[in-house]
Amino acid sequence: MSNPYGLPIIDNCLVCQLRSDRFFCNLPRGSLEAFDRIKHANSYPKGAVLFLEGQKPRGVYMLCAGQVKLSATGRDGRSIILRIAKPGELLGLHATVSNQPYGLTAETLEPSQVNHVGAADFMKFLQEHGDACLRVAEHLSQNYHSACDTLRSLGLFHSISERLASLILQWASEGRVTKDGIQVNCSLTQEEIAQLLGTARESITREVGALRKQGLISWKASVLVIRDKAALESLIGG
């Protein structure tokens, strides 16, 4: 069965075929059964907001399918995307555990299935299941290192071309090798890529055009093909 957004319906965590490959989902059976009883499965279209920066925490959101962008807004109203969450991640974790407002806004980049667990239910779940507590601690550690990597990238790569090349190479690790190069499905707009790299959309348009002209990439709609990975690496001293 599929929902209106074309996603397979995953109602039961215990029979999900993807959980063995995912960090938090792969809990011992007893803990997973308890988690399954308190979660509520929902499907969202592209552009749906799961929670807003500054909002009182309503709980955690387990991303089962799709992608979610996590962004912050400055005093001048400009937004920067901190990272793109992938299936298997728990969103809103820090705010729920610390009982502090959400520090980021979470918005779906494509049709997504998300399991929601209310704050009170989630904290009780952690109190009763020590193995889940350990996974949460590890998850928070991963988020911290991801934030450090983002700051390091923005600090080390001074030019927009370096930042863009580094981002495309990150995507390449999850791409599919074809006769034309490494194919990556990218649902980000150029405006969103600019927010991710801390620059203006016009700069991204210019740099993407330069990479195309050099024959390093081709990019049509949401399909990016990396034609010369070595040349991209050379742009960042790789």
C-alpha atoms as a PDB file:
ATOM      1  CA  MET A   1       0.000   0.000   0.000  1.00  0.00           C
ATOM      2  CA  SER A   2       1.020   3.595  -0.626  1.00  0.00           C
ATOM      3  CA  ASN A   3      -0.250   6.865   0.793  1.00  0.00           C
ATOM      4  CA  PRO A   4      -1.336   9.891  -1.312  1.00  0.00           C
ATOM      5  CA  TYR A   5       2.294  11.074  -1.509  1.00  0.00           C
ATOM      6  CA  GLY A   6       3.541   7.875  -3.144  1.00  0.00           C
ATOM      7  CA  LEU A   7       5.329   6.521  -0.074  1.00  0.00           C
ATOM      8  CA  PRO A   8       4.993   2.955   1.243  1.00  0.00           C
ATOM      9  CA  ILE A   9       3.053   2.876   4.497  1.00  0.00           C
ATOM     10  CA  ILE A  10       5.169   1.709   7.455  1.00  0.00           C
ATOM     11  CA  ASP A  11       2.782   1.366  10.390  1.00  0.00           C
ATOM     12  CA  ASN A  12       4.654  -1.184  12.479  1.00  0.00           C
ATOM     13  CA  CYS A  13       8.285  -0.646  13.481  1.00  0.00           C
ATOM     14  CA  LEU A  14       8.650  -4.366  14.281  1.00  0.00           C
ATOM     15  CA  VAL A  15       8.136  -5.444  10.671  1.00  0.00           C
ATOM     16  CA  CYS A  16       9.930  -2.533   9.008  1.00  0.00           C
ATOM     17  CA  GLN A  17      12.565  -4.001   6.663  1.00  0.00           C
ATOM     18  CA  LEU A  18      14.743  -0.902   6.927  1.00  0.00           C
ATOM     19  CA  ARG A  19      15.226  -0.716  10.698  1.00  0.00           C
ATOM     20  CA  SER A  20      18.253  -3.038  10.816  1.00  0.00           C
ATOM     21  CA  ASP A  21      20.239  -0.451   8.844  1.00  0.00           C
ATOM     22  CA  ARG A  22      19.181   2.461  11.004  1.00  0.00           C
ATOM     23  CA  PHE A  23      20.762   3.719  14.152  1.00  0.00           C
ATOM     24  CA  PHE A  24      17.916   4.339  16.587  1.00  0.00           C
ATOM     25  CA  CYS A  25      15.361   1.961  15.036  1.00  0.00           C
ATOM     26  CA  ASN A  26      17.482  -1.129  15.620  1.00  0.00           C
ATOM     27  CA  LEU A  27      16.585  -1.476  19.294  1.00  0.00           C
ATOM     28  CA  PRO A  28      16.108  -4.779  21.163  1.00  0.00           C
ATOM     29  CA  ARG A  29      12.619  -6.186  20.592  1.00  0.00           C
ATOM     30  CA  GLY A  30      11.205  -5.207  23.984  1.00  0.00           C
ATOM     31  CA  SER A  31      12.240  -1.575  23.623  1.00  0.00           C
ATOM     32  CA  LEU A  32      11.092  -1.452  20.013  1.00  0.00           C
ATOM     33  CA  GLU A  33       7.665  -2.799  20.970  1.00  0.00           C
ATOM     34  CA  ALA A  34       7.371  -0.095  23.633  1.00  0.00           C
ATOM     35  CA  PHE A  35       8.412   2.598  21.149  1.00  0.00           C
ATOM     36  CA  ASP A  36       5.932   1.312  18.569  1.00  0.00           C
ATOM     37  CA  ARG A  37       3.074   1.636  21.063  1.00  0.00           C
ATOM     38  CA  ILE A  38       3.696   5.338  21.735  1.00  0.00           C
ATOM     39  CA  LYS A  39       4.528   6.605  18.240  1.00  0.00           C
ATOM     40  CA  HIS A  40       2.045   8.069  15.781  1.00  0.00           C
ATOM     41  CA  ALA A  41       2.803   7.631  12.067  1.00  0.00           C
ATOM     42  CA  ASN A  42       2.107  10.583   9.777  1.00  0.00           C
ATOM     43  CA  SER A  43       2.761  11.380   6.124  1.00  0.00           C
ATOM     44  CA  TYR A  44       3.612  14.879   4.912  1.00  0.00           C
ATOM     45  CA  PRO A  45       3.922  16.562   1.502  1.00  0.00           C
ATOM     46  CA  LYS A  46       6.971  18.542   0.460  1.00  0.00           C
ATOM     47  CA  GLY A  47       7.228  21.834   2.351  1.00  0.00           C
ATOM     48  CA  ALA A  48       5.465  20.712   5.529  1.00  0.00           C
ATOM     49  CA  VAL A  49       6.816  22.235   8.761  1.00  0.00           C
ATOM     50  CA  LEU A  50       7.241  19.696  11.565  1.00  0.00           C
ATOM     51  CA  PHE A  51       8.269  22.244  14.186  1.00  0.00           C
ATOM     52  CA  LEU A  52       9.448  25.840  14.384  1.00  0.00           C
ATOM     53  CA  GLU A  53      12.511  27.427  15.913  1.00  0.00           C
ATOM     54  CA  GLY A  54      11.573  28.847  19.317  1.00  0.00           C
ATOM     55  CA  GLN A  55       8.501  26.644  19.690  1.00  0.00           C
ATOM     56  CA  LYS A  56       7.909  24.751  22.938  1.00  0.00           C
ATOM     57  CA  PRO A  57       8.923  21.100  22.384  1.00  0.00           C
ATOM     58  CA  ARG A  58       6.021  18.783  21.585  1.00  0.00           C
ATOM     59  CA  GLY A  59       8.192  15.688  21.344  1.00  0.00           C
ATOM     60  CA  VAL A  60      10.496  13.925  18.911  1.00  0.00           C
ATOM     61  CA  TYR A  61      10.029  13.095  15.240  1.00  0.00           C
ATOM     62  CA  MET A  62      11.432   9.891  13.759  1.00  0.00           C
ATOM     63  CA  LEU A  63      12.091  10.340  10.046  1.00  0.00           C
ATOM     64  CA  CYS A  64      11.154   7.050   8.351  1.00  0.00           C
ATOM     65  CA  ALA A  65      11.195   8.123   4.691  1.00  0.00           C
ATOM     66  CA  GLY A  66      12.071  11.335   2.874  1.00  0.00           C
ATOM     67  CA  GLN A  67      14.354  14.242   3.774  1.00  0.00           C
ATOM     68  CA  VAL A  68      13.990  17.151   6.180  1.00  0.00           C
ATOM     69  CA  LYS A  69      15.958  20.399   6.213  1.00  0.00           C
ATOM     70  CA  LEU A  70      16.931  21.867   9.577  1.00  0.00           C
ATOM     71  CA  SER A  71      17.384  25.626   9.477  1.00  0.00           C
ATOM     72  CA  ALA A  72      17.925  28.612  11.757  1.00  0.00           C
ATOM     73  CA  THR A  73      16.989  32.259  11.207  1.00  0.00           C
ATOM     74  CA  GLY A  74      19.119  35.257  12.139  1.00  0.00           C
ATOM     75  CA  ARG A  75      17.973  38.606  13.463  1.00  0.00           C
ATOM     76  CA  ASP A  76      18.093  40.021   9.944  1.00  0.00           C
ATOM     77  CA  GLY A  77      15.589  37.398   8.791  1.00  0.00           C
ATOM     78  CA  ARG A  78      18.076  35.410   6.739  1.00  0.00           C
ATOM     79  CA  SER A  79      17.968  31.634   7.051  1.00  0.00           C
ATOM     80  CA  ILE A  80      20.813  29.144   7.017  1.00  0.00           C
ATOM     81  CA  ILE A  81      20.355  25.398   6.636  1.00  0.00           C
ATOM     82  CA  LEU A  82      22.412  23.563   9.232  1.00  0.00           C
ATOM     83  CA  ARG A  83      21.975  20.122   7.726  1.00  0.00           C
ATOM     84  CA  ILE A  84      19.698  17.755   5.849  1.00  0.00           C
ATOM     85  CA  ALA A  85      18.210  14.954   7.968  1.00  0.00           C
ATOM     86  CA  LYS A  86      17.966  11.498   6.412  1.00  0.00           C
ATOM     87  CA  PRO A  87      15.749   8.482   7.235  1.00  0.00           C
ATOM     88  CA  GLY A  88      16.457   6.961  10.637  1.00  0.00           C
ATOM     89  CA  GLU A  89      17.141  10.247  12.415  1.00  0.00           C
ATOM     90  CA  LEU A  90      15.341  11.537  15.509  1.00  0.00           C
ATOM     91  CA  LEU A  91      14.493  15.221  15.141  1.00  0.00           C
ATOM     92  CA  GLY A  92      13.773  17.598  18.003  1.00  0.00           C
ATOM     93  CA  LEU A  93      15.743  15.363  20.347  1.00  0.00           C
ATOM     94  CA  HIS A  94      17.804  18.007  22.178  1.00  0.00           C
ATOM     95  CA  ALA A  95      14.797  20.251  22.817  1.00  0.00           C
ATOM     96  CA  THR A  96      12.672  17.376  24.115  1.00  0.00           C
ATOM     97  CA  VAL A  97      15.335  15.976  26.447  1.00  0.00           C
ATOM     98  CA  SER A  98      16.336  19.400  27.807  1.00  0.00           C
ATOM     99  CA  ASN A  99      12.764  20.795  27.805  1.00  0.00           C
ATOM    100  CA  GLN A 100      14.007  23.855  25.928  1.00  0.00           C
ATOM    101  CA  PRO A 101      12.442  25.452  22.823  1.00  0.00           C
ATOM    102  CA  TYR A 102      13.331  23.935  19.476  1.00  0.00           C
ATOM    103  CA  GLY A 103      16.561  25.520  18.285  1.00  0.00           C
ATOM    104  CA  LEU A 104      15.832  24.878  14.606  1.00  0.00           C
ATOM    105  CA  THR A 105      12.966  24.722  12.153  1.00  0.00           C
ATOM    106  CA  ALA A 106      12.304  21.344  10.509  1.00  0.00           C
ATOM    107  CA  GLU A 107      10.689  21.312   7.052  1.00  0.00           C
ATOM    108  CA  THR A 108      10.228  18.409   4.640  1.00  0.00           C
ATOM    109  CA  LEU A 109      12.170  18.628   1.380  1.00  0.00           C
ATOM    110  CA  GLU A 110      10.073  15.911  -0.268  1.00  0.00           C
ATOM    111  CA  PRO A 111       7.083  13.729   0.643  1.00  0.00           C
ATOM    112  CA  SER A 112       8.028  12.099   3.948  1.00  0.00           C
ATOM    113  CA  GLN A 113       6.797   9.681   6.577  1.00  0.00           C
ATOM    114  CA  VAL A 114       7.475  10.815  10.118  1.00  0.00           C
ATOM    115  CA  ASN A 115       6.654   9.090  13.408  1.00  0.00           C
ATOM    116  CA  HIS A 116       5.850  11.490  16.249  1.00  0.00           C
ATOM    117  CA  VAL A 117       6.223  10.678  19.954  1.00  0.00           C
ATOM    118  CA  GLY A 118       4.944  13.188  22.512  1.00  0.00           C
ATOM    119  CA  ALA A 119       7.438  14.661  24.956  1.00  0.00           C
ATOM    120  CA  ALA A 120       5.974  13.071  28.109  1.00  0.00           C
ATOM    121  CA  ASP A 121       5.690   9.631  26.481  1.00  0.00           C
ATOM    122  CA  PHE A 122       9.231   9.822  25.132  1.00  0.00           C
ATOM    123  CA  MET A 123      10.779  10.798  28.467  1.00  0.00           C
ATOM    124  CA  LYS A 124       8.905   7.986  30.223  1.00  0.00           C
ATOM    125  CA  PHE A 125      10.118   5.601  27.510  1.00  0.00           C
ATOM    126  CA  LEU A 126      13.721   6.618  28.192  1.00  0.00           C
ATOM    127  CA  GLN A 127      13.288   6.160  31.934  1.00  0.00           C
ATOM    128  CA  GLU A 128      12.102   2.594  31.389  1.00  0.00           C
ATOM    129  CA  HIS A 129      14.535   1.532  28.649  1.00  0.00           C
ATOM    130  CA  GLY A 130      18.243   2.069  29.315  1.00  0.00           C
ATOM    131  CA  ASP A 131      19.282   0.786  25.877  1.00  0.00           C
ATOM    132  CA  ALA A 132      17.244   3.577  24.268  1.00  0.00           C
ATOM    133  CA  CYS A 133      18.949   6.112  26.569  1.00  0.00           C
ATOM    134  CA  LEU A 134      22.324   4.992  25.249  1.00  0.00           C
ATOM    135  CA  ARG A 135      21.135   5.388  21.654  1.00  0.00           C
ATOM    136  CA  VAL A 136      19.868   8.879  22.449  1.00  0.00           C
ATOM    137  CA  ALA A 137      23.244   9.851  23.949  1.00  0.00           C
ATOM    138  CA  GLU A 138      25.014   8.541  20.848  1.00  0.00           C
ATOM    139  CA  HIS A 139      22.519  10.348  18.610  1.00  0.00           C
ATOM    140  CA  LEU A 140      23.131  13.658  20.385  1.00  0.00           C
ATOM    141  CA  SER A 141      26.874  13.088  20.007  1.00  0.00           C
ATOM    142  CA  GLN A 142      26.451  12.525  16.271  1.00  0.00           C
ATOM    143  CA  ASN A 143      24.460  15.756  15.975  1.00  0.00           C
ATOM    144  CA  TYR A 144      27.221  17.625  17.796  1.00  0.00           C
ATOM    145  CA  HIS A 145      29.913  16.305  15.469  1.00  0.00           C
ATOM    146  CA  SER A 146      27.737  17.117  12.458  1.00  0.00           C
ATOM    147  CA  ALA A 147      27.438  20.718  13.667  1.00  0.00           C
ATOM    148  CA  CYS A 148      31.217  20.877  14.151  1.00  0.00           C
ATOM    149  CA  ASP A 149      31.768  19.598  10.611  1.00  0.00           C
ATOM    150  CA  THR A 150      29.437  22.287   9.244  1.00  0.00           C
ATOM    151  CA  LEU A 151      31.275  25.059  11.108  1.00  0.00           C
ATOM    152  CA  ARG A 152      34.641  23.633  10.086  1.00  0.00           C
ATOM    153  CA  SER A 153      33.601  23.549   6.440  1.00  0.00           C
ATOM    154  CA  LEU A 154      32.389  27.145   6.509  1.00  0.00           C
ATOM    155  CA  GLY A 155      35.575  28.236   8.256  1.00  0.00           C
ATOM    156  CA  LEU A 156      38.143  26.297   6.224  1.00  0.00           C
ATOM    157  CA  PHE A 157      36.741  26.775   2.746  1.00  0.00           C
ATOM    158  CA  HIS A 158      36.879  30.482   2.082  1.00  0.00           C
ATOM    159  CA  SER A 159      35.621  30.480  -1.515  1.00  0.00           C
ATOM    160  CA  ILE A 160      32.110  29.518  -2.612  1.00  0.00           C
ATOM    161  CA  SER A 161      33.565  27.188  -5.250  1.00  0.00           C
ATOM    162  CA  GLU A 162      35.378  25.215  -2.522  1.00  0.00           C
ATOM    163  CA  ARG A 163      32.262  24.958  -0.387  1.00  0.00           C
ATOM    164  CA  LEU A 164      30.115  23.862  -3.322  1.00  0.00           C
ATOM    165  CA  ALA A 165      32.664  21.288  -4.484  1.00  0.00           C
ATOM    166  CA  SER A 166      32.902  19.890  -0.941  1.00  0.00           C
ATOM    167  CA  LEU A 167      29.106  19.594  -0.714  1.00  0.00           C
ATOM    168  CA  ILE A 168      28.826  17.831  -4.069  1.00  0.00           C
ATOM    169  CA  LEU A 169      31.555  15.396  -3.063  1.00  0.00           C
ATOM    170  CA  GLN A 170      29.615  14.600   0.120  1.00  0.00           C
ATOM    171  CA  TRP A 171      26.597  13.777  -2.027  1.00  0.00           C
ATOM    172  CA  ALA A 172      28.769  11.622  -4.293  1.00  0.00           C
ATOM    173  CA  SER A 173      29.326   9.130  -1.471  1.00  0.00           C
ATOM    174  CA  GLU A 174      25.601   8.288  -1.623  1.00  0.00           C
ATOM    175  CA  GLY A 175      25.291   8.451  -5.408  1.00  0.00           C
ATOM    176  CA  ARG A 176      24.913   5.753  -8.047  1.00  0.00           C
ATOM    177  CA  VAL A 177      27.688   5.022 -10.530  1.00  0.00           C
ATOM    178  CA  THR A 178      26.507   5.184 -14.147  1.00  0.00           C
ATOM    179  CA  LYS A 179      28.258   5.277 -17.509  1.00  0.00           C
ATOM    180  CA  ASP A 180      28.024   9.079 -17.440  1.00  0.00           C
ATOM    181  CA  GLY A 181      29.378   9.501 -13.915  1.00  0.00           C
ATOM    182  CA  ILE A 182      28.059   9.464 -10.355  1.00  0.00           C
ATOM    183  CA  GLN A 183      24.341  10.211 -10.351  1.00  0.00           C
ATOM    184  CA  VAL A 184      22.814  11.938  -7.332  1.00  0.00           C
ATOM    185  CA  ASN A 185      19.186  12.861  -6.736  1.00  0.00           C
ATOM    186  CA  CYS A 186      19.147  16.348  -5.233  1.00  0.00           C
ATOM    187  CA  SER A 187      15.831  17.832  -4.076  1.00  0.00           C
ATOM    188  CA  LEU A 188      17.418  21.114  -2.937  1.00  0.00           C
ATOM    189  CA  THR A 189      16.772  24.313  -4.855  1.00  0.00           C
ATOM    190  CA  GLN A 190      19.656  26.682  -5.557  1.00  0.00           C
ATOM    191  CA  GLU A 191      18.223  28.989  -2.873  1.00  0.00           C
ATOM    192  CA  GLU A 192      18.374  26.135  -0.348  1.00  0.00           C
ATOM    193  CA  ILE A 193      21.919  25.235  -1.391  1.00  0.00           C
ATOM    194  CA  ALA A 194      22.851  28.880  -0.833  1.00  0.00           C
ATOM    195  CA  GLN A 195      21.320  28.711   2.663  1.00  0.00           C
ATOM    196  CA  LEU A 196      23.267  25.524   3.334  1.00  0.00           C
ATOM    197  CA  LEU A 197      26.554  27.128   2.282  1.00  0.00           C
ATOM    198  CA  GLY A 198      25.962  30.532   3.850  1.00  0.00           C
ATOM    199  CA  THR A 199      25.913  32.562   0.654  1.00  0.00           C
ATOM    200  CA  ALA A 200      23.575  34.176  -1.889  1.00  0.00           C
ATOM    201  CA  ARG A 201      21.582  32.275  -4.509  1.00  0.00           C
ATOM    202  CA  GLU A 202      23.225  34.275  -7.288  1.00  0.00           C
ATOM    203  CA  SER A 203      26.635  32.979  -6.191  1.00  0.00           C
ATOM    204  CA  ILE A 204      25.430  29.374  -6.372  1.00  0.00           C
ATOM    205  CA  THR A 205      23.937  29.957  -9.822  1.00  0.00           C
ATOM    206  CA  ARG A 206      27.262  31.365 -11.019  1.00  0.00           C
ATOM    207  CA  GLU A 207      29.357  28.550  -9.516  1.00  0.00           C
ATOM    208  CA  VAL A 208      27.065  25.794 -10.800  1.00  0.00           C
ATOM    209  CA  GLY A 209      27.281  27.357 -14.260  1.00  0.00           C
ATOM    210  CA  ALA A 210      31.091  27.371 -14.049  1.00  0.00           C
ATOM    211  CA  LEU A 211      31.215  23.680 -13.063  1.00  0.00           C
ATOM    212  CA  ARG A 212      28.914  22.827 -15.955  1.00  0.00           C
ATOM    213  CA  LYS A 213      31.026  24.819 -18.395  1.00  0.00           C
ATOM    214  CA  GLN A 214      34.152  22.967 -17.257  1.00  0.00           C
ATOM    215  CA  GLY A 215      32.392  19.641 -17.804  1.00  0.00           C
ATOM    216  CA  LEU A 216      32.721  18.599 -14.170  1.00  0.00           C
ATOM    217  CA  ILE A 217      28.982  18.149 -13.646  1.00  0.00           C
ATOM    218  CA  SER A 218      25.650  18.140 -15.413  1.00  0.00           C
ATOM    219  CA  TRP A 219      22.514  19.146 -13.548  1.00  0.00           C
ATOM    220  CA  LYS A 220      18.986  18.869 -14.873  1.00  0.00           C
ATOM    221  CA  ALA A 221      15.976  19.278 -12.580  1.00  0.00           C
ATOM    222  CA  SER A 222      16.755  17.178  -9.495  1.00  0.00           C
ATOM    223  CA  VAL A 223      19.312  14.907 -11.162  1.00  0.00           C
ATOM    224  CA  LEU A 224      22.978  15.810 -10.664  1.00  0.00           C
ATOM    225  CA  VAL A 225      25.675  13.848 -12.498  1.00  0.00           C
ATOM    226  CA  ILE A 226      29.266  14.199 -11.286  1.00  0.00           C
ATOM    227  CA  ARG A 227      31.354  13.692 -14.426  1.00  0.00           C
ATOM    228  CA  ASP A 228      34.825  14.381 -13.043  1.00  0.00           C
ATOM    229  CA  LYS A 229      35.156  13.634  -9.332  1.00  0.00           C
ATOM    230  CA  ALA A 230      38.953  14.061  -9.344  1.00  0.00           C
ATOM    231  CA  ALA A 231      38.671  17.565 -10.743  1.00  0.00           C
ATOM    232  CA  LEU A 232      36.157  18.483  -8.039  1.00  0.00           C
ATOM    233  CA  GLU A 233      38.548  17.165  -5.391  1.00  0.00           C
ATOM    234  CA  SER A 234      41.327  19.314  -6.812  1.00  0.00           C
ATOM    235  CA  LEU A 235      39.180  22.414  -6.218  1.00  0.00           C
ATOM    236  CA  ILE A 236      39.423  21.848  -2.477  1.00  0.00           C
ATOM    237  CA  GLY A 237      42.987  20.599  -2.431  1.00  0.00           C
ATOM    238  CA  GLY A 238      41.885  16.938  -2.368  1.00  0.00           C
END
